[in-house]
C-alpha atoms as a PDB file:
ATOM      1  CA  MET A   1      -0.420  -0.133  -0.258  1.00  0.00           C
ATOM      2  CA  PRO A   2       1.614   3.589  -0.898  1.00  0.00           C
ATOM      3  CA  HIS A   3       1.108   6.335   1.763  1.00  0.00           C
ATOM      4  CA  PHE A   4       2.267  10.324   0.590  1.00  0.00           C
ATOM      5  CA  SER A   5       3.529  11.817   3.321  1.00  0.00           C
ATOM      6  CA  VAL A   6       3.669  15.071   2.440  1.00  0.00           C
ATOM      7  CA  GLU A   7       5.315  17.900   4.689  1.00  0.00           C
ATOM      8  CA  TYR A   8       4.866  21.275   3.613  1.00  0.00           C
ATOM      9  CA  SER A   9       5.699  25.415   5.306  1.00  0.00           C
ATOM     10  CA  ALA A  10       3.172  27.065   6.632  1.00  0.00           C
ATOM     11  CA  ASN A  11       4.085  30.318   4.238  1.00  0.00           C
ATOM     12  CA  LEU A  12       2.620  27.849   1.416  1.00  0.00           C
ATOM     13  CA  GLU A  13      -0.756  28.298   1.827  1.00  0.00           C
ATOM     14  CA  ALA A  14      -1.257  31.107   0.242  1.00  0.00           C
ATOM     15  CA  GLU A  15       0.427  30.643  -2.690  1.00  0.00           C
ATOM     16  CA  VAL A  16       0.057  27.184  -3.584  1.00  0.00           C
ATOM     17  CA  ASP A  17      -3.626  24.893  -4.140  1.00  0.00           C
ATOM     18  CA  LEU A  18      -1.959  22.215  -2.098  1.00  0.00           C
ATOM     19  CA  GLN A  19      -5.690  19.799  -2.195  1.00  0.00           C
ATOM     20  CA  GLU A  20      -5.114  19.705  -5.997  1.00  0.00           C
ATOM     21  CA  LEU A  21      -1.175  18.780  -4.857  1.00  0.00           C
ATOM     22  CA  ALA A  22      -2.674  15.777  -3.216  1.00  0.00           C
ATOM     23  CA  ASP A  23      -5.017  14.823  -6.021  1.00  0.00           C
ATOM     24  CA  ASN A  24      -2.192  15.052  -8.379  1.00  0.00           C
ATOM     25  CA  ILE A  25       0.146  12.631  -6.261  1.00  0.00           C
ATOM     26  CA  ARG A  26      -2.848  10.284  -6.330  1.00  0.00           C
ATOM     27  CA  ASP A  27      -3.779  10.451  -9.922  1.00  0.00           C
ATOM     28  CA  VAL A  28      -0.195  10.120 -10.706  1.00  0.00           C
ATOM     29  CA  ALA A  29      -0.324   6.333  -8.630  1.00  0.00           C
ATOM     30  CA  ALA A  30      -3.335   5.668  -9.637  1.00  0.00           C
ATOM     31  CA  GLY A  31      -2.804   6.142 -13.187  1.00  0.00           C
ATOM     32  CA  THR A  32       0.716   3.647 -12.729  1.00  0.00           C
ATOM     33  CA  ALA A  33      -1.766   1.274 -12.557  1.00  0.00           C
ATOM     34  CA  VAL A  34       1.226  -0.103  -9.907  1.00  0.00           C
ATOM     35  CA  PHE A  35      -0.821   0.179  -6.786  1.00  0.00           C
ATOM     36  CA  PRO A  36      -4.494  -1.244  -5.704  1.00  0.00           C
ATOM     37  CA  LEU A  37      -6.399   1.971  -6.158  1.00  0.00           C
ATOM     38  CA  GLY A  38      -7.764   1.282  -2.351  1.00  0.00           C
ATOM     39  CA  GLY A  39      -4.457   1.392  -1.274  1.00  0.00           C
ATOM     40  CA  ILE A  40      -3.026   4.548  -1.826  1.00  0.00           C
ATOM     41  CA  ARG A  41      -2.667   7.425   0.289  1.00  0.00           C
ATOM     42  CA  VAL A  42      -1.607  11.249   0.329  1.00  0.00           C
ATOM     43  CA  ARG A  43      -1.510  13.257   3.027  1.00  0.00           C
ATOM     44  CA  LEU A  44      -0.135  16.669   3.256  1.00  0.00           C
ATOM     45  CA  HIS A  45       1.253  18.264   6.872  1.00  0.00           C
ATOM     46  CA  ARG A  46       1.752  22.036   7.006  1.00  0.00           C
ATOM     47  CA  SER A  47       4.652  22.943   8.497  1.00  0.00           C
ATOM     48  CA  HIS A  48       3.833  25.166  11.942  1.00  0.00           C
ATOM     49  CA  ILE A  49       7.794  26.125  12.972  1.00  0.00           C
ATOM     50  CA  TYR A  50      10.307  25.854   9.959  1.00  0.00           C
ATOM     51  CA  THR A  51      14.213  28.070   9.866  1.00  0.00           C
ATOM     52  CA  ILE A  52      15.112  27.847   5.597  1.00  0.00           C
ATOM     53  CA  ALA A  53      18.823  28.780   5.928  1.00  0.00           C
ATOM     54  CA  ASP A  54      19.412  31.715   4.410  1.00  0.00           C
ATOM     55  CA  GLY A  55      16.671  33.122   6.329  1.00  0.00           C
ATOM     56  CA  HIS A  56      14.608  34.511   3.890  1.00  0.00           C
ATOM     57  CA  PRO A  57      11.371  35.019   4.935  1.00  0.00           C
ATOM     58  CA  GLU A  58       8.978  34.387   1.522  1.00  0.00           C
ATOM     59  CA  ASN A  59      11.295  31.201   1.082  1.00  0.00           C
ATOM     60  CA  ALA A  60       9.143  27.599   1.153  1.00  0.00           C
ATOM     61  CA  PHE A  61       9.917  23.496   0.750  1.00  0.00           C
ATOM     62  CA  VAL A  62       7.264  21.258   0.205  1.00  0.00           C
ATOM     63  CA  ALA A  63       9.477  17.538   1.286  1.00  0.00           C
ATOM     64  CA  ILE A  64       7.403  14.268  -0.442  1.00  0.00           C
END
C-alpha cells in the first residue's frame, strides 16, 4: 500500500492549492496501475515552525 507523506512550510498555503497537489499525487500514483487503487494514501502535513538556511521569510519548502 503506497503512502505519500508531504510536509510543507506554512507560507505555501497562500501560494499553492494544496488539495490540488494531493489530488495530483493520488492521480499519478493511480495512473501507474502499479498500486491497488484502494491502497493509495496521500497526506499533507503543515510545518508551523521552520527555518530556511538563508533566513529569508519568503522561501518555502515541500518534502515528499
